[in-house]
Amino acid sequence: MSKDSPKGAATELQRDLTTLTYELSEEVAIVTLNRPGARNALDVRMREELADVVGEIRDDDRVRAMILTGAGGVFCAGGDLQGLKEKRNSAQSYKRISDLHLWLPSLVNMEKPVIAAVDGPAFGGGMNLALTADFILASDTASFCQVFGRIGLVPDLAGMFLLPRLVGLQRAKDLVFSGRTLRPDEAKEMGIVHSIHAPDQLQDAAFSLARRFCNASTLAIGLAKNVLNQSFNLDQRAMAELEAMAQALCMDSAYHKEAVQRFLDKKPALFDWERMNKEESTT
């Protein structure tokens, strides 16, 4: 267990990772971008390792939620500018970016809650990597920036898809065209950040939120997440069909049947957000 891991974290899983760390703690997968000397920049190796780890988390039934964070007081400074020095033609540059979308949809549509814990800068691709999460928790020293325009580029890592859906088209244009830096309070006001915490409390806050989902129905959350993710792309009729199919699957699940029986037997619900709020406030 790393020094900064939340209390009760399990032994780090053994794997050949050089740019990330990955540990499973109490049904929560914790993935840490771990190139602090390079401000956790997304080099080719990190992208490959993220693809592998995301696939493993997706398929691991032990995992009920995921946290994505960065080491060394930085979330991610974006793409590795050292790699941009390499000479490429347009076809090679196209492949470099399009290859990201072989695994990125698996993170965006992960059928488990994903929480980004952002301390320090989340710039460029780093900001867009954070946007793939369902909830972004930020430290009060975090900063966000669509920095691409400063070097004559456009947002990648799905930023042009994800950002307008969070903040609206006009605000997305403001952030992309200007390349200005957002502080946590403005990012929260825009709907990018879910909550703001002191740096030394950020990881515990992210872990506490992730743990809340461990008693929820992974099937229901996964289906709801994937249908909601289509809500800006499909018309009402198509959404209604997805809703009906998702509900039919949930109604046939063991989790739903047990939840109904617990209600009939007047037993506490397995998943009760208000009760969890009260329990946390008394500890």
Protein backbone atom coordinates (compact mmCIF):
# COMPACT_ATOMS: atom_id res chain seq x y z
CA MET A 1 0.00 0.00 0.00
CA SER A 2 1.38 3.38 -0.94
CA LYS A 3 1.84 6.04 1.71
CA ASP A 4 -0.90 8.18 0.19
CA SER A 5 -3.48 5.40 -0.20
CA PRO A 6 -6.75 5.67 1.73
CA LYS A 7 -7.02 3.75 4.96
CA GLY A 8 -7.57 0.05 4.45
CA ALA A 9 -6.12 -0.06 0.96
CA ALA A 10 -5.14 -3.49 -0.24
CA THR A 11 -1.70 -4.58 -1.38
CA GLU A 12 -0.88 -3.15 -4.78
CA LEU A 13 -1.52 -5.61 -7.57
CA GLN A 14 1.64 -6.97 -9.15
CA ARG A 15 2.01 -6.00 -12.80
CA ASP A 16 4.53 -4.61 -15.28
CA LEU A 17 3.43 -0.98 -15.11
CA THR A 18 6.00 1.77 -15.46
CA THR A 19 3.82 4.88 -15.89
CA LEU A 20 0.87 3.95 -13.67
CA THR A 21 0.14 2.31 -10.37
CA TYR A 22 -2.99 0.21 -9.88
CA GLU A 23 -4.38 -1.09 -6.64
CA LEU A 24 -7.67 -2.65 -5.63
CA SER A 25 -8.97 -1.50 -2.26
CA GLU A 26 -12.34 -2.57 -0.86
CA GLU A 27 -13.82 -3.09 -4.35
CA VAL A 28 -12.45 0.26 -5.57
CA ALA A 29 -9.84 0.31 -8.35
CA ILE A 30 -7.34 3.16 -7.84
CA VAL A 31 -5.32 4.10 -10.92
CA THR A 32 -2.59 6.70 -10.42
CA LEU A 33 -0.76 8.41 -13.28
CA ASN A 34 2.81 8.03 -12.08
CA ARG A 35 5.29 10.10 -14.08
CA PRO A 36 5.69 12.96 -11.61
CA GLY A 37 9.05 13.98 -13.09
CA ALA A 38 7.22 14.65 -16.38
CA ARG A 39 4.13 16.08 -14.65
CA ASN A 40 2.31 12.85 -15.51
CA ALA A 41 2.32 13.70 -19.22
CA LEU A 42 0.58 11.18 -21.46
CA ASP A 43 3.38 9.50 -23.39
CA VAL A 44 2.84 6.48 -25.62
CA ARG A 45 3.63 3.99 -22.85
CA MET A 46 1.13 5.58 -20.48
CA ARG A 47 -1.58 5.46 -23.14
CA GLU A 48 -0.87 1.76 -23.73
CA GLU A 49 -0.93 1.02 -20.00
CA LEU A 50 -4.16 2.96 -19.53
CA ALA A 51 -5.72 0.89 -22.31
CA ASP A 52 -4.67 -2.34 -20.57
CA VAL A 53 -5.77 -1.26 -17.10
CA VAL A 54 -9.12 0.14 -18.27
CA GLY A 55 -9.87 -3.16 -20.01
CA GLU A 56 -8.98 -5.13 -16.91
CA ILE A 57 -11.11 -2.97 -14.63
CA ARG A 58 -14.03 -3.17 -17.03
CA ASP A 59 -13.95 -6.97 -16.95
CA ASP A 60 -13.14 -7.47 -13.24
CA ASP A 61 -16.33 -8.27 -11.31
CA ARG A 62 -14.56 -7.48 -8.04
CA VAL A 63 -14.37 -3.80 -9.00
CA ARG A 64 -17.44 -1.72 -8.14
CA ALA A 65 -15.98 1.76 -8.73
CA MET A 66 -12.82 3.37 -10.08
CA ILE A 67 -10.67 6.34 -9.03
CA LEU A 68 -8.30 8.03 -11.49
CA THR A 69 -5.70 10.36 -10.00
CA GLY A 70 -2.12 11.61 -10.42
CA ALA A 71 1.06 11.42 -8.37
CA GLY A 72 3.23 14.27 -7.16
CA GLY A 73 0.63 17.01 -6.79
CA VAL A 74 -0.20 17.00 -10.52
CA PHE A 75 -3.09 15.26 -12.23
CA CYS A 76 -1.80 15.37 -15.81
CA ALA A 77 -0.06 18.08 -17.82
CA GLY A 78 -1.45 16.70 -21.09
CA GLY A 79 0.40 15.20 -24.03
CA ASP A 80 4.11 14.57 -23.85
CA LEU A 81 5.62 17.45 -25.83
CA GLN A 82 8.89 15.53 -26.13
CA GLY A 83 7.01 13.03 -28.28
CA LEU A 84 5.74 15.82 -30.53
CA LYS A 85 9.33 16.47 -31.61
CA GLU A 86 9.26 13.25 -33.62
CA LYS A 87 8.71 13.82 -37.33
CA ARG A 88 5.40 12.37 -38.56
CA ASN A 89 3.35 12.78 -41.68
CA SER A 90 -0.39 13.48 -41.50
CA ALA A 91 -1.32 9.80 -41.72
CA GLN A 92 0.92 8.94 -38.77
CA SER A 93 -0.42 11.84 -36.71
CA TYR A 94 -3.97 10.76 -37.52
CA LYS A 95 -3.25 7.22 -36.34
CA ARG A 96 -1.61 8.51 -33.15
CA ILE A 97 -4.85 10.25 -32.15
CA SER A 98 -7.34 7.76 -33.58
CA ASP A 99 -5.65 4.94 -31.64
CA LEU A 100 -6.76 6.70 -28.44
CA HIS A 101 -10.36 5.97 -29.42
CA LEU A 102 -9.74 2.23 -29.43
CA TRP A 103 -9.81 2.28 -25.62
CA LEU A 104 -11.18 5.68 -24.57
CA PRO A 105 -14.86 4.71 -25.08
CA SER A 106 -14.31 1.87 -22.61
CA LEU A 107 -13.40 4.47 -19.99
CA VAL A 108 -16.17 6.93 -20.91
CA ASN A 109 -18.76 4.13 -20.86
CA MET A 110 -17.25 2.09 -18.02
CA GLU A 111 -20.23 0.30 -16.46
CA LYS A 112 -19.01 1.33 -13.02
CA PRO A 113 -18.77 4.81 -11.47
CA VAL A 114 -15.50 6.57 -12.33
CA ILE A 115 -14.18 9.37 -10.11
CA ALA A 116 -11.30 11.65 -11.08
CA ALA A 117 -9.39 13.09 -8.11
CA VAL A 118 -7.61 16.14 -9.55
CA ASP A 119 -4.83 17.80 -7.58
CA GLY A 120 -2.75 20.42 -9.36
CA PRO A 121 -2.86 20.98 -13.13
CA ALA A 122 -5.16 19.06 -15.48
CA PHE A 123 -4.11 20.59 -18.79
CA GLY A 124 -4.90 19.66 -22.38
CA GLY A 125 -5.33 15.92 -22.69
CA GLY A 126 -5.09 15.77 -18.90
CA MET A 127 -8.24 17.86 -18.54
CA ASN A 128 -10.02 15.74 -21.12
CA LEU A 129 -8.92 12.55 -19.38
CA ALA A 130 -10.55 13.91 -16.22
CA LEU A 131 -13.71 14.68 -18.21
CA THR A 132 -14.13 10.97 -18.96
CA ALA A 133 -15.03 10.48 -15.28
CA ASP A 134 -18.57 10.60 -13.93
CA PHE A 135 -17.47 12.88 -11.10
CA ILE A 136 -14.45 15.17 -10.81
CA LEU A 137 -13.30 15.95 -7.28
CA ALA A 138 -10.73 18.74 -7.22
CA SER A 139 -8.33 20.06 -4.65
CA ASP A 140 -8.41 23.80 -4.03
CA THR A 141 -5.04 23.97 -5.81
CA ALA A 142 -6.30 22.24 -8.98
CA SER A 143 -6.42 24.00 -12.34
CA PHE A 144 -7.98 23.10 -15.68
CA CYS A 145 -7.04 24.30 -19.14
CA GLN A 146 -7.79 23.44 -22.77
CA VAL A 147 -4.24 24.46 -23.55
CA PHE A 148 -4.12 23.11 -27.12
CA GLY A 149 -4.58 26.47 -28.85
CA ARG A 150 -1.40 27.81 -27.27
CA ILE A 151 0.59 25.47 -29.52
CA GLY A 152 -1.73 25.61 -32.53
CA LEU A 153 -3.63 22.36 -31.90
CA VAL A 154 -7.25 21.38 -31.32
CA PRO A 155 -8.53 19.37 -28.31
CA ASP A 156 -8.11 15.62 -28.48
CA LEU A 157 -8.81 12.74 -26.09
CA ALA A 158 -12.55 13.24 -26.75
CA GLY A 159 -12.50 16.79 -25.39
CA MET A 160 -14.62 18.20 -28.22
CA PHE A 161 -17.26 15.56 -27.48
CA LEU A 162 -17.22 15.65 -23.68
CA LEU A 163 -16.72 19.33 -22.87
CA PRO A 164 -19.80 20.79 -24.64
CA ARG A 165 -21.98 18.18 -22.95
CA LEU A 166 -20.84 19.39 -19.55
CA VAL A 167 -20.71 23.16 -20.02
CA GLY A 168 -22.70 23.91 -23.19
CA LEU A 169 -21.44 24.92 -26.62
CA GLN A 170 -20.70 28.61 -25.97
CA ARG A 171 -18.69 27.95 -22.81
CA ALA A 172 -16.84 25.12 -24.54
CA LYS A 173 -15.85 27.51 -27.32
CA ASP A 174 -14.72 30.04 -24.72
CA LEU A 175 -12.42 27.51 -23.05
CA VAL A 176 -11.09 26.01 -26.29
CA PHE A 177 -10.57 29.25 -28.23
CA SER A 178 -9.01 31.17 -25.33
CA GLY A 179 -6.95 28.41 -23.73
CA ARG A 180 -7.49 30.17 -20.42
CA THR A 181 -6.97 28.48 -17.08
CA LEU A 182 -9.91 27.60 -14.82
CA ARG A 183 -9.62 27.59 -11.05
CA PRO A 184 -11.66 25.01 -9.11
CA ASP A 185 -14.45 27.40 -8.08
CA GLU A 186 -15.18 28.49 -11.66
CA ALA A 187 -14.90 24.89 -12.87
CA LYS A 188 -17.46 23.90 -10.22
CA GLU A 189 -19.79 26.72 -11.23
CA MET A 190 -19.59 25.49 -14.85
CA GLY A 191 -20.48 21.93 -13.83
CA ILE A 192 -17.06 20.45 -14.51
CA VAL A 193 -16.12 19.87 -10.87
CA HIS A 194 -18.40 17.99 -8.49
CA SER A 195 -16.76 19.12 -5.22
CA ILE A 196 -13.64 20.88 -3.92
CA HIS A 197 -11.43 19.65 -1.09
CA ALA A 198 -8.19 20.50 0.68
CA PRO A 199 -5.26 18.70 -1.01
CA ASP A 200 -4.65 16.44 2.00
CA GLN A 201 -8.32 15.40 2.05
CA LEU A 202 -8.85 14.85 -1.68
CA GLN A 203 -7.94 11.17 -1.89
CA ASP A 204 -10.03 10.24 1.13
CA ALA A 205 -12.99 12.19 -0.28
CA ALA A 206 -12.69 10.38 -3.61
CA PHE A 207 -12.40 7.01 -1.88
CA SER A 208 -15.39 7.74 0.34
CA LEU A 209 -17.52 8.64 -2.69
CA ALA A 210 -16.37 5.56 -4.60
CA ARG A 211 -17.12 3.26 -1.65
CA ARG A 212 -20.69 4.52 -1.54
CA PHE A 213 -21.40 2.74 -4.82
CA CYS A 214 -20.15 -0.65 -3.66
CA ASN A 215 -23.60 -1.59 -2.31
CA ALA A 216 -25.40 -0.29 -5.40
CA SER A 217 -26.48 -2.39 -8.37
CA THR A 218 -23.57 -2.38 -10.81
CA LEU A 219 -25.98 -3.51 -13.52
CA ALA A 220 -28.38 -0.61 -12.93
CA ILE A 221 -25.62 2.00 -12.74
CA GLY A 222 -23.89 0.59 -15.83
CA LEU A 223 -27.07 0.57 -17.90
CA ALA A 224 -28.17 4.01 -16.68
CA LYS A 225 -24.74 5.44 -17.43
CA ASN A 226 -24.64 4.09 -20.96
CA VAL A 227 -28.18 5.22 -21.78
CA LEU A 228 -27.55 8.68 -20.31
CA ASN A 229 -24.35 8.92 -22.36
CA GLN A 230 -26.50 8.56 -25.50
CA SER A 231 -29.05 11.17 -24.47
CA PHE A 232 -27.52 13.97 -26.57
CA ASN A 233 -27.17 11.78 -29.65
CA LEU A 234 -30.52 9.98 -29.95
CA ASP A 235 -34.11 11.10 -30.33
CA GLN A 236 -36.81 10.47 -27.74
CA ARG A 237 -38.10 7.31 -29.42
CA ALA A 238 -34.66 5.67 -29.49
CA MET A 239 -34.05 6.68 -25.87
CA ALA A 240 -37.41 5.18 -24.89
CA GLU A 241 -36.41 1.86 -26.45
CA LEU A 242 -33.10 1.84 -24.59
CA GLU A 243 -34.90 2.76 -21.36
CA ALA A 244 -37.38 -0.10 -21.73
CA MET A 245 -34.69 -2.67 -22.49
CA ALA A 246 -32.50 -1.49 -19.62
CA GLN A 247 -35.39 -1.61 -17.17
CA ALA A 248 -36.35 -5.11 -18.28
CA LEU A 249 -32.82 -6.34 -17.61
CA CYS A 250 -32.74 -4.66 -14.19
CA MET A 251 -36.13 -6.07 -13.18
CA ASP A 252 -34.83 -9.56 -13.88
CA SER A 253 -31.71 -9.09 -11.76
CA ALA A 254 -31.05 -10.77 -8.42
CA TYR A 255 -30.23 -7.37 -6.92
CA HIS A 256 -33.66 -5.94 -7.74
CA LYS A 257 -35.48 -9.01 -6.47
CA GLU A 258 -33.56 -8.89 -3.18
CA ALA A 259 -34.20 -5.15 -2.83
CA VAL A 260 -37.95 -5.66 -3.28
CA GLN A 261 -37.97 -8.48 -0.73
CA ARG A 262 -36.05 -6.35 1.77
CA PHE A 263 -38.65 -3.62 1.34
CA LEU A 264 -41.50 -6.07 1.90
CA ASP A 265 -39.72 -7.48 4.95
CA LYS A 266 -39.19 -3.91 6.27
CA LYS A 267 -35.41 -4.35 6.24
CA PRO A 268 -33.01 -1.46 5.49
CA ALA A 269 -32.17 -0.95 1.83
CA LEU A 270 -28.74 -2.09 0.72
CA PHE A 271 -28.22 1.24 -1.06
CA ASP A 272 -29.53 4.36 0.70
CA TRP A 273 -27.74 7.64 -0.09
CA GLU A 274 -29.45 9.65 2.67
CA ARG A 275 -28.54 7.04 5.27
CA MET A 276 -24.93 7.12 4.11
CA ASN A 277 -24.94 10.91 4.43
CA LYS A 278 -26.12 10.64 8.03
CA GLU A 279 -23.59 7.94 8.86
CA GLU A 280 -20.72 10.01 7.48
CA SER A 281 -21.86 13.13 9.34
CA THR A 282 -21.76 11.29 12.67
CA THR A 283 -18.27 9.82 12.20
